[in-house]
C-alpha atoms as a PDB file:
ATOM      1  CA  MET A   1       7.780  -6.541  11.929  1.00  0.00           C
ATOM      2  CA  ILE A   2       9.845  -3.639  11.888  1.00  0.00           C
ATOM      3  CA  LYS A   3       8.273  -1.810  14.628  1.00  0.00           C
ATOM      4  CA  THR A   4       8.097  -4.858  16.800  1.00  0.00           C
ATOM      5  CA  GLY A   5      11.628  -5.732  16.356  1.00  0.00           C
ATOM      6  CA  GLN A   6      11.192  -8.930  14.592  1.00  0.00           C
ATOM      7  CA  VAL A   7      13.652  -7.697  11.853  1.00  0.00           C
ATOM      8  CA  LYS A   8      15.901  -4.531  11.912  1.00  0.00           C
ATOM      9  CA  SER A   9      15.090  -2.742   8.597  1.00  0.00           C
ATOM     10  CA  GLU A  10      13.355  -3.082   5.379  1.00  0.00           C
ATOM     11  CA  ALA A  11      16.218  -5.161   3.907  1.00  0.00           C
ATOM     12  CA  ASP A  12      15.892  -7.565   6.707  1.00  0.00           C
ATOM     13  CA  LEU A  13      12.217  -7.714   6.374  1.00  0.00           C
ATOM     14  CA  ALA A  14      12.893  -8.467   2.038  1.00  0.00           C
ATOM     15  CA  ARG A  15      15.141 -11.353   3.269  1.00  0.00           C
ATOM     16  CA  LYS A  16      12.737 -12.907   5.475  1.00  0.00           C
ATOM     17  CA  LEU A  17       9.960 -12.457   2.761  1.00  0.00           C
ATOM     18  CA  GLY A  18      12.051 -13.638  -0.123  1.00  0.00           C
ATOM     19  CA  ILE A  19      11.193 -10.244  -2.028  1.00  0.00           C
ATOM     20  CA  SER A  20      13.189  -7.101  -3.035  1.00  0.00           C
ATOM     21  CA  ARG A  21      14.075  -4.331  -0.308  1.00  0.00           C
ATOM     22  CA  VAL A  22      12.650  -2.295  -3.134  1.00  0.00           C
ATOM     23  CA  ARG A  23       9.183  -4.026  -3.130  1.00  0.00           C
ATOM     24  CA  VAL A  24       8.966  -3.754   0.652  1.00  0.00           C
ATOM     25  CA  ASN A  25       9.792   0.032   0.299  1.00  0.00           C
ATOM     26  CA  GLN A  26       7.100   0.531  -2.089  1.00  0.00           C
ATOM     27  CA  ILE A  27       4.364  -1.617  -0.211  1.00  0.00           C
ATOM     28  CA  VAL A  28       5.444   0.391   3.261  1.00  0.00           C
ATOM     29  CA  ARG A  29       5.370   3.570   1.473  1.00  0.00           C
ATOM     30  CA  LEU A  30       1.363   2.849   0.656  1.00  0.00           C
ATOM     31  CA  LEU A  31       1.064   3.228   4.636  1.00  0.00           C
ATOM     32  CA  LYS A  32       1.498   7.094   3.970  1.00  0.00           C
ATOM     33  CA  LEU A  33      -2.052   7.089   2.100  1.00  0.00           C
ATOM     34  CA  ASP A  34      -4.800   8.569   4.346  1.00  0.00           C
ATOM     35  CA  SER A  35      -6.043   5.704   6.740  1.00  0.00           C
ATOM     36  CA  GLN A  36      -9.453   6.430   5.271  1.00  0.00           C
ATOM     37  CA  VAL A  37      -8.433   5.500   1.990  1.00  0.00           C
ATOM     38  CA  ILE A  38      -6.368   2.451   3.207  1.00  0.00           C
ATOM     39  CA  LYS A  39      -9.730   1.237   4.932  1.00  0.00           C
ATOM     40  CA  GLN A  40     -11.692   1.529   1.580  1.00  0.00           C
ATOM     41  CA  ILE A  41      -8.999  -0.420  -0.116  1.00  0.00           C
ATOM     42  CA  GLU A  42      -9.226  -3.034   2.553  1.00  0.00           C
ATOM     43  CA  LYS A  43     -12.978  -3.479   2.200  1.00  0.00           C
ATOM     44  CA  LEU A  44     -12.480  -4.399  -1.532  1.00  0.00           C
ATOM     45  CA  GLY A  45     -11.124  -7.781  -0.240  1.00  0.00           C
ATOM     46  CA  ASP A  46      -8.722 -10.229  -1.729  1.00  0.00           C
ATOM     47  CA  SER A  47     -11.583 -12.232  -3.586  1.00  0.00           C
ATOM     48  CA  LEU A  48     -11.609 -10.250  -6.520  1.00  0.00           C
ATOM     49  CA  PRO A  49     -11.003 -12.091  -9.991  1.00  0.00           C
ATOM     50  CA  SER A  50      -8.252  -9.363 -11.119  1.00  0.00           C
ATOM     51  CA  GLN A  51      -6.487  -6.500  -9.365  1.00  0.00           C
ATOM     52  CA  ILE A  52      -8.272  -3.309  -9.795  1.00  0.00           C
ATOM     53  CA  ILE A  53      -5.995  -1.756  -7.467  1.00  0.00           C
ATOM     54  CA  THR A  54      -2.433  -1.938  -7.488  1.00  0.00           C
ATOM     55  CA  GLU A  55       0.538  -0.358  -5.663  1.00  0.00           C
ATOM     56  CA  ARG A  56       1.986   1.079  -8.911  1.00  0.00           C
ATOM     57  CA  MET A  57      -1.540   2.816  -9.432  1.00  0.00           C
ATOM     58  CA  LEU A  58      -1.471   4.421  -5.973  1.00  0.00           C
ATOM     59  CA  ARG A  59       1.997   5.742  -5.962  1.00  0.00           C
ATOM     60  CA  PRO A  60       1.346   9.080  -7.166  1.00  0.00           C
ATOM     61  CA  TYR A  61      -1.140   9.595  -4.409  1.00  0.00           C
ATOM     62  CA  ILE A  62       0.990   9.346  -1.695  1.00  0.00           C
ATOM     63  CA  GLY A  63       1.257  12.731   0.165  1.00  0.00           C
ATOM     64  CA  LEU A  64      -1.623  14.080  -1.372  1.00  0.00           C
ATOM     65  CA  PRO A  65      -4.598  15.622   0.498  1.00  0.00           C
ATOM     66  CA  PHE A  66      -7.225  13.098   1.485  1.00  0.00           C
ATOM     67  CA  GLU A  67      -9.711  14.546  -0.580  1.00  0.00           C
ATOM     68  CA  MET A  68      -7.586  14.026  -3.497  1.00  0.00           C
ATOM     69  CA  GLN A  69      -6.940  10.550  -2.748  1.00  0.00           C
ATOM     70  CA  GLU A  70     -10.285   9.426  -1.962  1.00  0.00           C
ATOM     71  CA  ASN A  71     -11.399  11.011  -5.563  1.00  0.00           C
ATOM     72  CA  ILE A  72      -8.990   9.118  -7.243  1.00  0.00           C
ATOM     73  CA  LEU A  73      -9.984   5.830  -5.358  1.00  0.00           C
ATOM     74  CA  GLN A  74     -13.547   6.595  -6.407  1.00  0.00           C
ATOM     75  CA  ILE A  75     -12.621   6.908 -10.067  1.00  0.00           C
ATOM     76  CA  ILE A  76     -10.417   3.690  -9.907  1.00  0.00           C
ATOM     77  CA  LYS A  77     -13.046   1.300  -8.353  1.00  0.00           C
ATOM     78  CA  CYS A  78     -15.431   2.518 -11.200  1.00  0.00           C
END
């Protein structure tokens, strides 16, 4: 929504969604994970009975090389 110009900033997006600016920033940062890792997470779907992967769990792996991100994802999924 920021890229399309629907909102001007993360703060505007937060107001529109009714969540904190910090929470928007945390989620936007997850986009820095490797695209292959993001696709693997998406394949897990939303129908899980509980959250097995959370934003908080993924934070430390942002910016790490793909191989390290993928290894951690495999450990988390088990």
